[in-house]
């Protein structure tokens, strides 16, 4: 769990210090991939709280979810369908569900 916190701090610091811009055409792909990654992180924290965390499952899910979500948004964009709204809604619901479980676990623990 300490690796996740250190990774978030290092990534956040690098994000603020390194000037990097996303082209407007790729913003929907990036937003969905970011939400998929956040979903994987909160799912990993939930698994760690319940004692079922497996690093292989976490790493494979992290990259598979983000790549598949970006691919589906790309295909939807090529077809003229705004699939990124659906992906953002689905990942947002999963993130809040995982966050609710984590909150309940921490409140019961303390």
N, C-alpha and C. Protein backbone atom coordinates (compact mmCIF):
# COMPACT_ATOMS: atom_id res chain seq x y z
N UNK A 1 0.83 -1.19 0.00
CA UNK A 1 0.00 0.00 0.00
C UNK A 1 0.88 1.25 0.00
N UNK A 2 2.05 1.15 0.61
CA UNK A 2 2.94 2.30 0.64
C UNK A 2 3.45 2.61 -0.75
N UNK A 3 3.61 1.56 -1.60
CA UNK A 3 4.05 1.79 -2.97
C UNK A 3 3.01 2.60 -3.75
N UNK A 4 1.75 2.33 -3.50
CA UNK A 4 0.69 3.07 -4.19
C UNK A 4 0.71 4.54 -3.80
N UNK A 5 0.89 4.81 -2.52
CA UNK A 5 0.91 6.20 -2.05
C UNK A 5 2.14 6.92 -2.60
N UNK A 6 3.29 6.26 -2.56
CA UNK A 6 4.51 6.87 -3.09
C UNK A 6 4.37 7.09 -4.59
N UNK A 7 3.79 6.13 -5.30
CA UNK A 7 3.57 6.27 -6.74
C UNK A 7 2.65 7.43 -7.07
N UNK A 8 1.59 7.60 -6.28
CA UNK A 8 0.69 8.73 -6.49
C UNK A 8 1.38 10.06 -6.23
N UNK A 9 2.19 10.12 -5.19
CA UNK A 9 2.90 11.36 -4.89
C UNK A 9 3.94 11.69 -5.97
N UNK A 10 4.69 10.70 -6.40
CA UNK A 10 5.69 10.93 -7.44
C UNK A 10 5.00 11.31 -8.76
N UNK A 11 3.94 10.59 -9.12
CA UNK A 11 3.23 10.90 -10.34
C UNK A 11 2.58 12.27 -10.31
N UNK A 12 1.99 12.63 -9.19
CA UNK A 12 1.39 13.96 -9.06
C UNK A 12 2.42 15.07 -9.14
N UNK A 13 3.57 14.85 -8.50
CA UNK A 13 4.65 15.84 -8.56
C UNK A 13 5.18 15.99 -9.98
N UNK A 14 5.42 14.88 -10.66
CA UNK A 14 5.88 14.94 -12.04
C UNK A 14 4.83 15.59 -12.95
N UNK A 15 3.57 15.33 -12.69
CA UNK A 15 2.51 15.93 -13.48
C UNK A 15 2.48 17.44 -13.38
N UNK A 16 2.79 17.96 -12.22
CA UNK A 16 2.82 19.41 -12.06
C UNK A 16 4.10 20.05 -12.57
N UNK A 17 5.21 19.32 -12.50
CA UNK A 17 6.50 19.90 -12.87
C UNK A 17 6.83 19.77 -14.36
N UNK A 18 6.39 18.71 -15.01
CA UNK A 18 6.73 18.48 -16.41
C UNK A 18 5.64 19.09 -17.29
N UNK A 19 6.02 20.01 -18.17
CA UNK A 19 5.02 20.61 -19.07
C UNK A 19 4.62 19.61 -20.16
N UNK A 20 3.40 19.15 -20.10
CA UNK A 20 2.92 18.15 -21.05
C UNK A 20 1.47 18.47 -21.36
N UNK A 21 1.14 18.51 -22.62
CA UNK A 21 -0.23 18.80 -23.01
C UNK A 21 -0.83 17.67 -23.84
N UNK A 22 -2.11 17.47 -23.68
CA UNK A 22 -2.84 16.47 -24.45
C UNK A 22 -3.55 17.20 -25.58
N UNK A 23 -3.37 16.79 -26.82
CA UNK A 23 -4.11 17.42 -27.92
C UNK A 23 -5.62 17.25 -27.72
N UNK A 24 -6.37 18.24 -28.15
CA UNK A 24 -7.82 18.23 -27.93
C UNK A 24 -8.49 17.00 -28.56
N UNK A 25 -7.96 16.53 -29.65
CA UNK A 25 -8.55 15.36 -30.30
C UNK A 25 -8.44 14.08 -29.50
N UNK A 26 -7.45 14.01 -28.63
CA UNK A 26 -7.24 12.82 -27.82
C UNK A 26 -7.74 12.97 -26.39
N UNK A 27 -8.39 14.06 -26.08
CA UNK A 27 -8.80 14.29 -24.69
C UNK A 27 -9.83 13.27 -24.22
N UNK A 28 -10.74 12.85 -25.09
CA UNK A 28 -11.73 11.85 -24.66
C UNK A 28 -11.07 10.50 -24.43
N UNK A 29 -10.10 10.13 -25.28
CA UNK A 29 -9.38 8.87 -25.07
C UNK A 29 -8.60 8.90 -23.76
N UNK A 30 -7.93 10.01 -23.51
CA UNK A 30 -7.13 10.13 -22.30
C UNK A 30 -8.00 10.13 -21.05
N UNK A 31 -9.13 10.81 -21.11
CA UNK A 31 -10.00 10.86 -19.92
C UNK A 31 -10.54 9.49 -19.57
N UNK A 32 -10.91 8.70 -20.56
CA UNK A 32 -11.43 7.37 -20.29
C UNK A 32 -10.31 6.46 -19.79
N UNK A 33 -9.14 6.55 -20.39
CA UNK A 33 -8.01 5.73 -19.93
C UNK A 33 -7.64 6.10 -18.49
N UNK A 34 -7.68 7.38 -18.17
CA UNK A 34 -7.39 7.83 -16.80
C UNK A 34 -8.43 7.30 -15.82
N UNK A 35 -9.69 7.35 -16.19
CA UNK A 35 -10.74 6.81 -15.31
C UNK A 35 -10.58 5.30 -15.14
N UNK A 36 -10.19 4.59 -16.21
CA UNK A 36 -9.97 3.14 -16.10
C UNK A 36 -8.81 2.84 -15.15
N UNK A 37 -7.75 3.65 -15.22
CA UNK A 37 -6.62 3.46 -14.31
C UNK A 37 -7.03 3.75 -12.87
N UNK A 38 -7.79 4.82 -12.67
CA UNK A 38 -8.26 5.14 -11.32
C UNK A 38 -9.16 4.04 -10.78
N UNK A 39 -9.99 3.46 -11.65
CA UNK A 39 -10.84 2.35 -11.23
C UNK A 39 -9.99 1.17 -10.79
N UNK A 40 -8.93 0.89 -11.53
CA UNK A 40 -8.05 -0.22 -11.15
C UNK A 40 -7.35 0.05 -9.82
N UNK A 41 -6.92 1.28 -9.60
CA UNK A 41 -6.25 1.63 -8.35
C UNK A 41 -7.20 1.47 -7.17
N UNK A 42 -8.41 2.02 -7.29
CA UNK A 42 -9.36 1.89 -6.18
C UNK A 42 -9.82 0.45 -6.00
N UNK A 43 -9.89 -0.32 -7.09
CA UNK A 43 -10.19 -1.74 -6.97
C UNK A 43 -9.08 -2.49 -6.26
N UNK A 44 -7.82 -2.09 -6.52
CA UNK A 44 -6.69 -2.69 -5.81
C UNK A 44 -6.70 -2.37 -4.33
N UNK A 45 -7.05 -1.14 -4.01
CA UNK A 45 -7.14 -0.75 -2.59
C UNK A 45 -8.26 -1.52 -1.91
N UNK A 46 -9.39 -1.68 -2.61
CA UNK A 46 -10.50 -2.46 -2.07
C UNK A 46 -10.07 -3.91 -1.83
N UNK A 47 -9.35 -4.49 -2.79
CA UNK A 47 -8.88 -5.87 -2.63
C UNK A 47 -7.89 -5.97 -1.48
N UNK A 48 -7.03 -4.96 -1.31
CA UNK A 48 -6.09 -4.98 -0.19
C UNK A 48 -6.83 -4.91 1.14
N UNK A 49 -7.89 -4.12 1.19
CA UNK A 49 -8.68 -4.02 2.43
C UNK A 49 -9.37 -5.34 2.77
N UNK A 50 -9.83 -6.05 1.74
CA UNK A 50 -10.52 -7.31 2.00
C UNK A 50 -9.56 -8.50 2.05
N UNK A 51 -8.27 -8.25 1.82
CA UNK A 51 -7.28 -9.31 1.95
C UNK A 51 -7.16 -10.21 0.75
N UNK A 52 -7.64 -9.80 -0.42
CA UNK A 52 -7.59 -10.63 -1.62
C UNK A 52 -6.75 -10.01 -2.73
N UNK A 53 -5.83 -9.11 -2.38
CA UNK A 53 -5.03 -8.42 -3.39
C UNK A 53 -4.02 -9.37 -4.01
N UNK A 54 -3.93 -9.33 -5.34
CA UNK A 54 -2.94 -10.08 -6.10
C UNK A 54 -2.30 -9.12 -7.09
N UNK A 55 -1.00 -8.96 -6.99
CA UNK A 55 -0.34 -7.96 -7.82
C UNK A 55 -0.41 -8.28 -9.31
N UNK A 56 -0.41 -9.54 -9.68
CA UNK A 56 -0.53 -9.91 -11.10
C UNK A 56 -1.89 -9.51 -11.66
N UNK A 57 -2.91 -9.75 -10.89
CA UNK A 57 -4.25 -9.36 -11.32
C UNK A 57 -4.36 -7.85 -11.41
N UNK A 58 -3.77 -7.15 -10.45
CA UNK A 58 -3.82 -5.69 -10.45
C UNK A 58 -3.11 -5.10 -11.66
N UNK A 59 -1.88 -5.53 -11.93
CA UNK A 59 -1.11 -4.99 -13.05
C UNK A 59 -1.78 -5.32 -14.37
N UNK A 60 -2.21 -6.56 -14.55
CA UNK A 60 -2.86 -6.92 -15.81
C UNK A 60 -4.18 -6.17 -15.99
N UNK A 61 -4.93 -6.02 -14.92
CA UNK A 61 -6.18 -5.28 -15.01
C UNK A 61 -5.97 -3.80 -15.27
N UNK A 62 -4.93 -3.25 -14.67
CA UNK A 62 -4.61 -1.83 -14.85
C UNK A 62 -4.39 -1.51 -16.33
N UNK A 63 -3.51 -2.26 -16.97
CA UNK A 63 -3.20 -1.99 -18.37
C UNK A 63 -4.29 -2.46 -19.32
N UNK A 64 -4.89 -3.61 -19.04
CA UNK A 64 -5.94 -4.11 -19.92
C UNK A 64 -7.15 -3.20 -19.89
N UNK A 65 -7.58 -2.76 -18.71
CA UNK A 65 -8.75 -1.87 -18.62
C UNK A 65 -8.51 -0.55 -19.34
N UNK A 66 -7.35 0.05 -19.13
CA UNK A 66 -7.10 1.35 -19.75
C UNK A 66 -6.98 1.23 -21.27
N UNK A 67 -6.29 0.21 -21.75
CA UNK A 67 -6.15 0.04 -23.20
C UNK A 67 -7.47 -0.32 -23.86
N UNK A 68 -8.24 -1.19 -23.24
CA UNK A 68 -9.52 -1.57 -23.82
C UNK A 68 -10.50 -0.41 -23.81
N UNK A 69 -10.51 0.36 -22.75
CA UNK A 69 -11.41 1.52 -22.69
C UNK A 69 -11.04 2.54 -23.76
N UNK A 70 -9.74 2.82 -23.90
CA UNK A 70 -9.31 3.77 -24.93
C UNK A 70 -9.63 3.23 -26.33
N UNK A 71 -9.45 1.94 -26.53
CA UNK A 71 -9.76 1.34 -27.83
C UNK A 71 -11.25 1.45 -28.15
N UNK A 72 -12.10 1.17 -27.18
CA UNK A 72 -13.55 1.26 -27.41
C UNK A 72 -13.97 2.69 -27.71
N UNK A 73 -13.38 3.64 -27.02
CA UNK A 73 -13.70 5.05 -27.29
C UNK A 73 -13.21 5.43 -28.68
N UNK A 74 -12.05 4.94 -29.07
CA UNK A 74 -11.53 5.22 -30.41
C UNK A 74 -12.46 4.66 -31.48
N UNK A 75 -12.89 3.42 -31.31
CA UNK A 75 -13.81 2.80 -32.27
C UNK A 75 -15.13 3.56 -32.30
N UNK A 76 -15.63 3.93 -31.14
CA UNK A 76 -16.86 4.71 -31.10
C UNK A 76 -16.70 6.05 -31.79
N UNK A 77 -15.56 6.68 -31.62
CA UNK A 77 -15.29 7.96 -32.28
C UNK A 77 -15.24 7.79 -33.79
N UNK A 78 -14.62 6.72 -34.25
CA UNK A 78 -14.56 6.45 -35.70
C UNK A 78 -15.94 6.17 -36.28
N UNK A 79 -16.82 5.58 -35.46
CA UNK A 79 -18.19 5.30 -35.91
C UNK A 79 -19.14 6.47 -35.71
N UNK A 80 -18.67 7.50 -35.04
CA UNK A 80 -19.51 8.67 -34.78
C UNK A 80 -20.40 8.52 -33.56
N UNK A 81 -20.04 7.62 -32.64
CA UNK A 81 -20.82 7.37 -31.43
C UNK A 81 -19.99 7.84 -30.24
N UNK A 82 -20.58 8.61 -29.35
CA UNK A 82 -19.86 9.11 -28.18
C UNK A 82 -19.87 8.06 -27.06
N UNK A 83 -19.04 7.04 -27.21
CA UNK A 83 -18.97 5.98 -26.21
C UNK A 83 -18.23 6.40 -24.95
N UNK A 84 -17.49 7.49 -25.00
CA UNK A 84 -16.73 7.86 -23.81
C UNK A 84 -17.65 8.32 -22.69
N UNK A 85 -18.85 8.79 -22.99
CA UNK A 85 -19.79 9.13 -21.92
C UNK A 85 -20.19 7.87 -21.15
N UNK A 86 -20.44 6.80 -21.87
CA UNK A 86 -20.83 5.55 -21.23
C UNK A 86 -19.67 5.00 -20.39
N UNK A 87 -18.47 5.07 -20.95
CA UNK A 87 -17.30 4.57 -20.22
C UNK A 87 -17.06 5.40 -18.96
N UNK A 88 -17.16 6.72 -19.08
CA UNK A 88 -16.95 7.58 -17.91
C UNK A 88 -17.99 7.31 -16.83
N UNK A 89 -19.24 7.10 -17.24
CA UNK A 89 -20.29 6.78 -16.28
C UNK A 89 -20.02 5.45 -15.59
N UNK A 90 -19.67 4.43 -16.37
CA UNK A 90 -19.42 3.11 -15.79
C UNK A 90 -18.23 3.13 -14.83
N UNK A 91 -17.13 3.75 -15.27
CA UNK A 91 -15.96 3.80 -14.39
C UNK A 91 -16.22 4.69 -13.18
N UNK A 92 -16.95 5.77 -13.36
CA UNK A 92 -17.29 6.63 -12.23
C UNK A 92 -18.10 5.88 -11.18
N UNK A 93 -19.08 5.10 -11.62
CA UNK A 93 -19.88 4.31 -10.68
C UNK A 93 -19.03 3.29 -9.95
N UNK A 94 -18.14 2.63 -10.68
CA UNK A 94 -17.27 1.63 -10.04
C UNK A 94 -16.32 2.28 -9.04
N UNK A 95 -15.80 3.45 -9.39
CA UNK A 95 -14.89 4.15 -8.47
C UNK A 95 -15.62 4.51 -7.19
N UNK A 96 -16.83 5.07 -7.30
CA UNK A 96 -17.58 5.43 -6.10
C UNK A 96 -18.00 4.21 -5.30
N UNK A 97 -18.28 3.10 -5.97
CA UNK A 97 -18.62 1.87 -5.27
C UNK A 97 -17.40 1.36 -4.48
N UNK A 98 -16.23 1.35 -5.11
CA UNK A 98 -15.02 0.93 -4.42
C UNK A 98 -14.67 1.88 -3.28
N UNK A 99 -14.84 3.17 -3.52
CA UNK A 99 -14.55 4.16 -2.49
C UNK A 99 -15.49 3.99 -1.29
N UNK A 100 -16.74 3.67 -1.55
CA UNK A 100 -17.69 3.41 -0.46
C UNK A 100 -17.28 2.20 0.37
N UNK A 101 -16.83 1.14 -0.31
CA UNK A 101 -16.37 -0.05 0.41
C UNK A 101 -15.14 0.28 1.26
N UNK A 102 -14.20 1.03 0.69
CA UNK A 102 -12.97 1.40 1.42
C UNK A 102 -13.32 2.24 2.64
N UNK A 103 -14.23 3.19 2.46
CA UNK A 103 -14.65 4.05 3.57
C UNK A 103 -15.28 3.22 4.68
N UNK A 104 -16.19 2.31 4.32
CA UNK A 104 -16.82 1.46 5.33
C UNK A 104 -15.81 0.58 6.05
N UNK A 105 -14.87 0.07 5.29
CA UNK A 105 -13.83 -0.79 5.90
C UNK A 105 -12.99 0.01 6.89
N UNK A 106 -12.60 1.21 6.51
CA UNK A 106 -11.79 2.04 7.41
C UNK A 106 -12.56 2.48 8.64
N UNK A 107 -13.86 2.78 8.48
CA UNK A 107 -14.66 3.18 9.63
C UNK A 107 -14.89 2.02 10.59
N UNK A 108 -15.08 0.81 10.06
CA UNK A 108 -15.26 -0.35 10.92
C UNK A 108 -13.96 -0.73 11.62
N UNK A 109 -12.83 -0.50 10.93
CA UNK A 109 -11.53 -0.85 11.49
C UNK A 109 -11.16 0.10 12.63
N UNK A 110 -11.50 1.37 12.48
CA UNK A 110 -11.12 2.35 13.50
C UNK A 110 -12.36 2.73 14.25
